[in-house]
Amino acid sequence: MKTVNRRLQIGLLVVFFCLLFTCGPAEAQTAKRLMLKDGSYQLASKWEVTADRVRYFSTERNEWEEVPASMVDWQATESFEKQRESQRKADLKQSEEDEEPEAKVPARPVIIAPGLHLPASGGVYLLDRYNGELQLTALTQSSGEVNRPSSRNILGGIISPIVSSKQSIELKGEHARAQSHLEQPAIFIDIDQDPAAKLLTLADRFRIARLEPKKDARLIGSLKVDITGKVNEQEFYLPSTTEQLANGWIKLTPSQPLSPGEYAVVEMLDSKTMNAYVWDFGVNPSSPVIPGWKAAPQSSVPAERATQPDIEKRPQ
């Protein structure tokens, strides 16, 4: 029986000390400051004035103590409490604001002409004009081939060095689906940046290539391999200007009017290496119109349109 009582006493002492050491710091944090005229203060949960003495309960020592009333700076004590209460309210308000889910503000559409804006879904689009009406035509990706299905990096493929060897980079078909009626069309681009192209400037990342006609195909460029195995790329790039727009869009425009023919927007991975997947288009003023997004009164243009046609994924 004595053993049981002994254990009970020890348990009560353990609980007492746990409460003492866990509650003490919390009380000290919320305690008021009884400011003294010498610049120091006492942490106290409450106090009372009796004659010429101030009796306060110290939250540091958990006991009642006294100081002469003449030592207490009541104005500083009141000022500190007001400042602390003001800060507490400000912290509480900030905490409530941080916990509220941030409202997603939709990005404002990029207007490129009265009543015509770029889609929120991104992609590559050509601005065309047919019978006096402006419209956006989606450009889809086509894969270039080097006598076989090409990898992502055209020049990164394994090419056997043969004396005077030439290997072509071709697109299947004689004509692109998208045909521009304008000789100097603006092209708008919003695609994920290839990690390999991060070191390129905006002006160097995208180029317009002239495609040479070939039976049932179009030639983007050619690779000439000399006896040492060195690869020289014969290019068909045309002068163009680039402009950074809002929401990640890039505007690419040929510097001069394009003659009727076939062309492609090429993404460069470095100064001499191009992505095998390109966006092809043609220039043909007499071509039939291809359905696209036409200009409309701005008040009737929704903030978001349907997504662009599926774009073929780049090879990994």
Protein backbone atom coordinates (compact mmCIF):
# COMPACT_ATOMS: atom_id res chain seq x y z
CA MET A 1 0.00 0.00 0.00
CA LYS A 2 2.86 2.32 0.88
CA THR A 3 4.49 1.49 -2.47
CA VAL A 4 1.34 2.47 -4.35
CA ASN A 5 1.07 5.79 -2.49
CA ARG A 6 4.76 6.46 -3.16
CA ARG A 7 4.27 5.92 -6.89
CA LEU A 8 1.19 8.16 -6.85
CA GLN A 9 3.13 10.94 -5.16
CA ILE A 10 5.96 10.66 -7.68
CA GLY A 11 3.46 10.75 -10.56
CA LEU A 12 1.81 13.89 -9.20
CA LEU A 13 5.20 15.57 -8.83
CA VAL A 14 6.09 14.72 -12.43
CA VAL A 15 2.80 16.19 -13.68
CA PHE A 16 3.36 19.30 -11.54
CA PHE A 17 6.83 19.96 -12.93
CA CYS A 18 5.68 19.30 -16.51
CA LEU A 19 2.94 21.88 -16.14
CA LEU A 20 5.33 24.28 -14.49
CA PHE A 21 7.94 24.18 -17.26
CA THR A 22 5.54 23.97 -20.20
CA CYS A 23 3.21 26.73 -19.09
CA GLY A 24 5.81 29.12 -17.76
CA PRO A 25 7.35 30.18 -21.14
CA ALA A 26 3.92 30.60 -22.74
CA GLU A 27 2.81 32.83 -19.93
CA ALA A 28 6.04 34.82 -20.22
CA GLN A 29 5.39 35.39 -23.91
CA THR A 30 1.91 36.80 -23.28
CA ALA A 31 2.86 38.71 -20.10
CA LYS A 32 2.56 42.45 -19.84
CA ARG A 33 5.54 44.68 -19.27
CA LEU A 34 5.62 46.75 -16.12
CA MET A 35 8.00 49.47 -17.32
CA LEU A 36 10.35 51.03 -14.79
CA LYS A 37 11.83 54.53 -14.89
CA ASP A 38 15.40 53.21 -15.13
CA GLY A 39 14.55 51.70 -18.56
CA SER A 40 14.12 48.11 -17.39
CA TYR A 41 10.85 46.21 -17.00
CA GLN A 42 9.26 43.32 -15.17
CA LEU A 43 7.18 40.65 -16.91
CA ALA A 44 3.93 40.36 -15.02
CA SER A 45 0.50 38.90 -15.67
CA LYS A 46 -1.20 41.41 -13.34
CA TRP A 47 -0.48 44.06 -10.71
CA GLU A 48 -2.13 46.22 -8.11
CA VAL A 49 -1.22 49.47 -6.37
CA THR A 50 -1.31 49.57 -2.59
CA ALA A 51 -0.33 52.89 -1.01
CA ASP A 52 3.21 53.61 -2.20
CA ARG A 53 3.91 50.03 -3.37
CA VAL A 54 3.10 48.16 -6.59
CA ARG A 55 2.45 44.48 -6.08
CA TYR A 56 2.76 42.34 -9.24
CA PHE A 57 2.74 38.63 -10.14
CA SER A 58 6.02 37.81 -11.92
CA THR A 59 5.60 35.37 -14.82
CA GLU A 60 9.33 34.66 -14.75
CA ARG A 61 9.43 33.52 -11.12
CA ASN A 62 5.73 32.60 -10.67
CA GLU A 63 5.37 34.55 -7.45
CA TRP A 64 4.17 37.90 -6.08
CA GLU A 65 6.71 40.69 -5.81
CA GLU A 66 6.71 44.38 -4.93
CA VAL A 67 8.47 47.55 -6.08
CA PRO A 68 8.06 51.16 -4.92
CA ALA A 69 5.36 52.93 -6.92
CA SER A 70 7.78 55.77 -7.61
CA MET A 71 9.92 53.40 -9.72
CA VAL A 72 7.10 52.55 -12.18
CA ASP A 73 6.80 54.49 -15.45
CA TRP A 74 3.04 54.26 -15.99
CA GLN A 75 3.07 56.26 -19.24
CA ALA A 76 5.66 53.93 -20.82
CA THR A 77 3.73 50.90 -19.53
CA GLU A 78 0.50 52.07 -21.17
CA SER A 79 2.26 53.05 -24.42
CA PHE A 80 3.91 49.65 -24.72
CA GLU A 81 0.61 47.82 -24.23
CA LYS A 82 -1.07 49.91 -26.94
CA GLN A 83 1.75 49.22 -29.40
CA ARG A 84 1.72 45.50 -28.64
CA GLU A 85 -2.06 45.28 -29.10
CA SER A 86 -1.83 47.16 -32.40
CA GLN A 87 0.90 44.82 -33.63
CA ARG A 88 -1.08 41.77 -32.52
CA LYS A 89 -4.09 42.89 -34.55
CA ALA A 90 -1.89 43.58 -37.60
CA ASP A 91 -0.26 40.13 -37.33
CA LEU A 92 -3.66 38.47 -37.00
CA LYS A 93 -4.97 40.26 -40.07
CA GLN A 94 -1.88 39.32 -42.09
CA SER A 95 -2.19 35.69 -40.99
CA GLU A 96 -5.82 35.58 -42.11
CA GLU A 97 -4.91 37.08 -45.47
CA ASP A 98 -2.08 34.56 -45.95
CA GLU A 99 -4.45 31.67 -45.23
CA GLU A 100 -6.99 32.83 -47.80
CA PRO A 101 -6.48 31.16 -51.21
CA GLU A 102 -5.05 33.57 -53.72
CA ALA A 103 -7.53 34.52 -56.39
CA LYS A 104 -6.22 33.67 -59.81
CA VAL A 105 -6.42 36.75 -61.94
CA PRO A 106 -6.75 35.70 -65.57
CA ALA A 107 -4.10 37.21 -67.82
CA ARG A 108 -5.37 39.90 -70.13
CA PRO A 109 -5.52 38.64 -73.73
CA VAL A 110 -2.89 39.98 -76.11
CA ILE A 111 -4.74 42.09 -78.68
CA ILE A 112 -3.02 42.03 -82.09
CA ALA A 113 -5.74 43.77 -84.11
CA PRO A 114 -9.13 45.33 -83.38
CA GLY A 115 -11.34 42.47 -82.23
CA LEU A 116 -8.61 39.83 -82.58
CA HIS A 117 -6.45 38.47 -79.77
CA LEU A 118 -4.02 35.60 -79.22
CA PRO A 119 -5.38 32.46 -77.51
CA ALA A 120 -4.60 31.72 -73.87
CA SER A 121 -3.60 28.18 -74.82
CA GLY A 122 -0.42 29.20 -76.65
CA GLY A 123 0.86 27.65 -79.88
CA VAL A 124 2.12 29.03 -83.19
CA TYR A 125 -0.18 31.20 -85.35
CA LEU A 126 0.09 33.11 -88.60
CA LEU A 127 -1.79 36.39 -89.01
CA ASP A 128 -3.41 36.35 -92.45
CA ARG A 129 -5.78 38.61 -94.39
CA TYR A 130 -8.33 37.25 -96.86
CA ASN A 131 -10.86 39.43 -98.70
CA GLY A 132 -10.03 42.25 -96.33
CA GLU A 133 -10.64 40.20 -93.17
CA LEU A 134 -7.91 39.40 -90.65
CA GLN A 135 -7.68 35.92 -89.19
CA LEU A 136 -5.30 33.72 -87.21
CA THR A 137 -4.29 30.43 -88.81
CA ALA A 138 -2.73 27.72 -86.63
CA LEU A 139 0.60 26.30 -87.82
CA THR A 140 1.14 22.64 -87.03
CA GLN A 141 4.49 20.90 -86.61
CA SER A 142 6.10 18.74 -89.26
CA SER A 143 9.09 16.48 -88.76
CA GLY A 144 12.18 16.91 -90.91
CA GLU A 145 13.96 13.80 -92.12
CA VAL A 146 17.61 13.07 -92.95
CA ASN A 147 17.06 10.12 -95.27
CA ARG A 148 15.32 8.48 -92.29
CA PRO A 149 13.21 9.60 -89.29
CA SER A 150 15.37 12.25 -87.66
CA SER A 151 16.13 12.71 -84.03
CA ARG A 152 15.31 15.97 -82.27
CA ASN A 153 18.72 17.44 -83.08
CA ILE A 154 19.30 17.23 -86.82
CA LEU A 155 23.04 17.68 -86.64
CA GLY A 156 23.23 15.39 -83.62
CA GLY A 157 22.35 12.32 -85.69
CA ILE A 158 25.02 9.80 -86.70
CA ILE A 159 26.06 10.58 -90.27
CA SER A 160 28.52 8.33 -92.07
CA PRO A 161 31.37 10.39 -93.60
CA ILE A 162 31.52 9.68 -97.30
CA VAL A 163 33.53 11.74 -99.76
CA SER A 164 31.32 14.45 -101.30
CA SER A 165 28.34 13.01 -99.48
CA LYS A 166 25.19 15.16 -99.29
CA GLN A 167 22.21 14.31 -97.15
CA SER A 168 19.02 16.35 -97.32
CA ILE A 169 16.64 17.54 -94.62
CA GLU A 170 13.17 17.19 -96.06
CA LEU A 171 9.51 17.70 -95.25
CA LYS A 172 7.00 15.39 -96.83
CA GLY A 173 4.48 16.83 -99.29
CA GLU A 174 4.76 19.62 -101.86
CA HIS A 175 2.79 22.21 -99.87
CA ALA A 176 2.05 23.10 -96.28
CA ARG A 177 -1.55 23.04 -95.12
CA ALA A 178 -1.43 26.68 -94.01
CA GLN A 179 -1.05 29.17 -96.86
CA SER A 180 -0.67 32.91 -96.28
CA HIS A 181 -2.34 35.43 -98.58
CA LEU A 182 0.01 38.11 -97.25
CA GLU A 183 3.56 38.35 -98.53
CA GLN A 184 4.89 39.57 -95.18
CA PRO A 185 2.83 37.72 -92.55
CA ALA A 186 3.39 38.13 -88.82
CA ILE A 187 3.86 34.87 -86.90
CA PHE A 188 3.06 34.61 -83.18
CA ILE A 189 4.80 31.95 -81.07
CA ASP A 190 4.17 30.76 -77.52
CA ILE A 191 5.76 27.35 -76.82
CA ASP A 192 7.79 25.86 -73.98
CA GLN A 193 11.43 26.78 -74.28
CA ASP A 194 13.80 23.96 -75.14
CA PRO A 195 16.43 23.63 -72.36
CA ALA A 196 19.16 23.63 -75.01
CA ALA A 197 18.04 27.04 -76.32
CA LYS A 198 18.31 28.93 -73.01
CA LEU A 199 21.60 30.57 -73.96
CA LEU A 200 20.23 31.96 -77.22
CA THR A 201 18.98 35.51 -77.55
CA LEU A 202 15.38 36.12 -78.59
CA ALA A 203 16.51 37.13 -82.08
CA ASP A 204 18.50 33.90 -82.54
CA ARG A 205 16.00 31.38 -81.21
CA PHE A 206 13.47 31.42 -84.06
CA ARG A 207 14.17 31.82 -87.77
CA ILE A 208 12.26 31.63 -91.03
CA ALA A 209 13.64 29.13 -93.51
CA ARG A 210 12.96 29.05 -97.25
CA LEU A 211 12.01 25.56 -98.47
CA GLU A 212 13.26 24.37 -101.84
CA PRO A 213 10.77 22.33 -103.87
CA LYS A 214 11.49 18.70 -104.62
CA LYS A 215 9.30 15.91 -105.96
CA ASP A 216 6.70 15.13 -103.30
CA ALA A 217 8.79 16.97 -100.68
CA ARG A 218 10.30 20.28 -99.60
CA LEU A 219 13.95 20.75 -98.74
CA ILE A 220 14.75 22.65 -95.50
CA GLY A 221 18.51 22.48 -95.85
CA SER A 222 21.28 20.10 -96.75
CA LEU A 223 24.15 18.48 -94.92
CA LYS A 224 27.46 18.19 -96.75
CA VAL A 225 29.96 15.74 -95.24
CA ASP A 226 33.62 16.02 -96.29
CA ILE A 227 36.29 13.34 -96.17
CA THR A 228 37.19 14.18 -92.56
CA GLY A 229 33.63 13.67 -91.42
CA LYS A 230 33.01 17.37 -90.78
CA VAL A 231 29.37 18.35 -91.32
CA ASN A 232 28.54 21.67 -92.99
CA GLU A 233 24.95 22.87 -92.92
CA GLN A 234 23.77 24.74 -95.98
CA GLU A 235 21.00 27.00 -94.71
CA PHE A 236 18.05 28.80 -96.21
CA TYR A 237 17.34 31.26 -93.40
CA LEU A 238 15.80 34.63 -94.22
CA PRO A 239 16.25 37.98 -92.41
CA SER A 240 13.53 38.51 -89.83
CA THR A 241 12.72 40.57 -86.75
CA THR A 242 11.52 39.32 -83.37
CA GLU A 243 9.58 41.12 -80.67
CA GLN A 244 8.69 40.01 -77.14
CA LEU A 245 4.99 40.46 -76.36
CA ALA A 246 2.99 40.01 -73.16
CA ASN A 247 2.07 36.60 -71.66
CA GLY A 248 5.16 34.90 -73.15
CA TRP A 249 4.24 35.49 -76.80
CA ILE A 250 6.91 36.21 -79.43
CA LYS A 251 6.20 37.98 -82.72
CA LEU A 252 8.31 36.86 -85.69
CA THR A 253 8.11 38.86 -88.93
CA PRO A 254 10.11 38.50 -92.17
CA SER A 255 12.16 41.64 -92.81
CA GLN A 256 11.12 41.65 -96.48
CA PRO A 257 8.09 40.41 -98.40
CA LEU A 258 8.23 36.69 -99.16
CA SER A 259 7.87 35.52 -102.72
CA PRO A 260 5.24 32.83 -103.36
CA GLY A 261 6.59 29.51 -102.15
CA GLU A 262 7.06 27.29 -99.13
CA TYR A 263 8.61 28.31 -95.79
CA ALA A 264 9.01 27.10 -92.22
CA VAL A 265 9.51 28.55 -88.75
CA VAL A 266 12.62 26.90 -87.32
CA GLU A 267 13.58 26.67 -83.63
CA MET A 268 17.33 26.88 -83.08
CA LEU A 269 18.93 24.86 -80.27
CA ASP A 270 22.23 26.69 -80.65
CA SER A 271 23.78 28.97 -83.26
CA LYS A 272 24.18 26.13 -85.80
CA THR A 273 21.76 23.43 -84.67
CA MET A 274 18.06 23.34 -85.39
CA ASN A 275 15.17 21.32 -83.99
CA ALA A 276 13.94 18.69 -86.45
CA TYR A 277 10.33 19.65 -85.74
CA VAL A 278 9.34 22.83 -87.59
CA TRP A 279 6.16 24.82 -88.30
CA ASP A 280 5.67 24.97 -92.07
CA PHE A 281 3.55 27.37 -94.12
CA GLY A 282 3.33 28.71 -97.64
CA VAL A 283 2.79 32.08 -99.30
CA ASN A 284 0.13 31.96 -102.02
CA PRO A 285 -2.14 35.00 -102.55
CA SER A 286 -4.54 32.92 -104.65
CA SER A 287 -4.85 30.02 -102.19
CA PRO A 288 -8.32 29.14 -100.86
CA VAL A 289 -8.99 30.39 -97.36
CA ILE A 290 -8.26 28.04 -94.45
CA PRO A 291 -10.66 28.25 -91.50
CA GLY A 292 -9.16 30.23 -88.64
CA TRP A 293 -10.05 32.76 -85.98
CA LYS A 294 -11.48 35.87 -87.52
CA ALA A 295 -11.61 39.33 -86.04
CA ALA A 296 -14.81 40.18 -84.20
CA PRO A 297 -16.08 43.10 -82.14
CA GLN A 298 -13.94 43.21 -79.00
CA SER A 299 -17.00 43.16 -76.79
CA SER A 300 -17.95 39.74 -78.19
CA VAL A 301 -14.49 38.17 -78.02
CA PRO A 302 -14.33 35.79 -75.02
CA ALA A 303 -11.33 35.88 -72.69
CA GLU A 304 -10.37 32.36 -73.76
CA ARG A 305 -10.97 30.47 -76.96
CA ALA A 306 -10.86 26.80 -77.81
CA THR A 307 -7.40 25.28 -77.67
CA GLN A 308 -5.31 25.15 -80.82
CA PRO A 309 -5.07 21.93 -82.87
CA ASP A 310 -2.96 19.29 -81.17
CA ILE A 311 0.74 19.90 -81.67
CA GLU A 312 2.93 16.91 -82.23
CA LYS A 313 5.16 16.29 -79.22
CA ARG A 314 8.87 16.76 -79.60
CA PRO A 315 10.97 13.62 -79.32
CA GLN A 316 12.70 13.23 -75.98
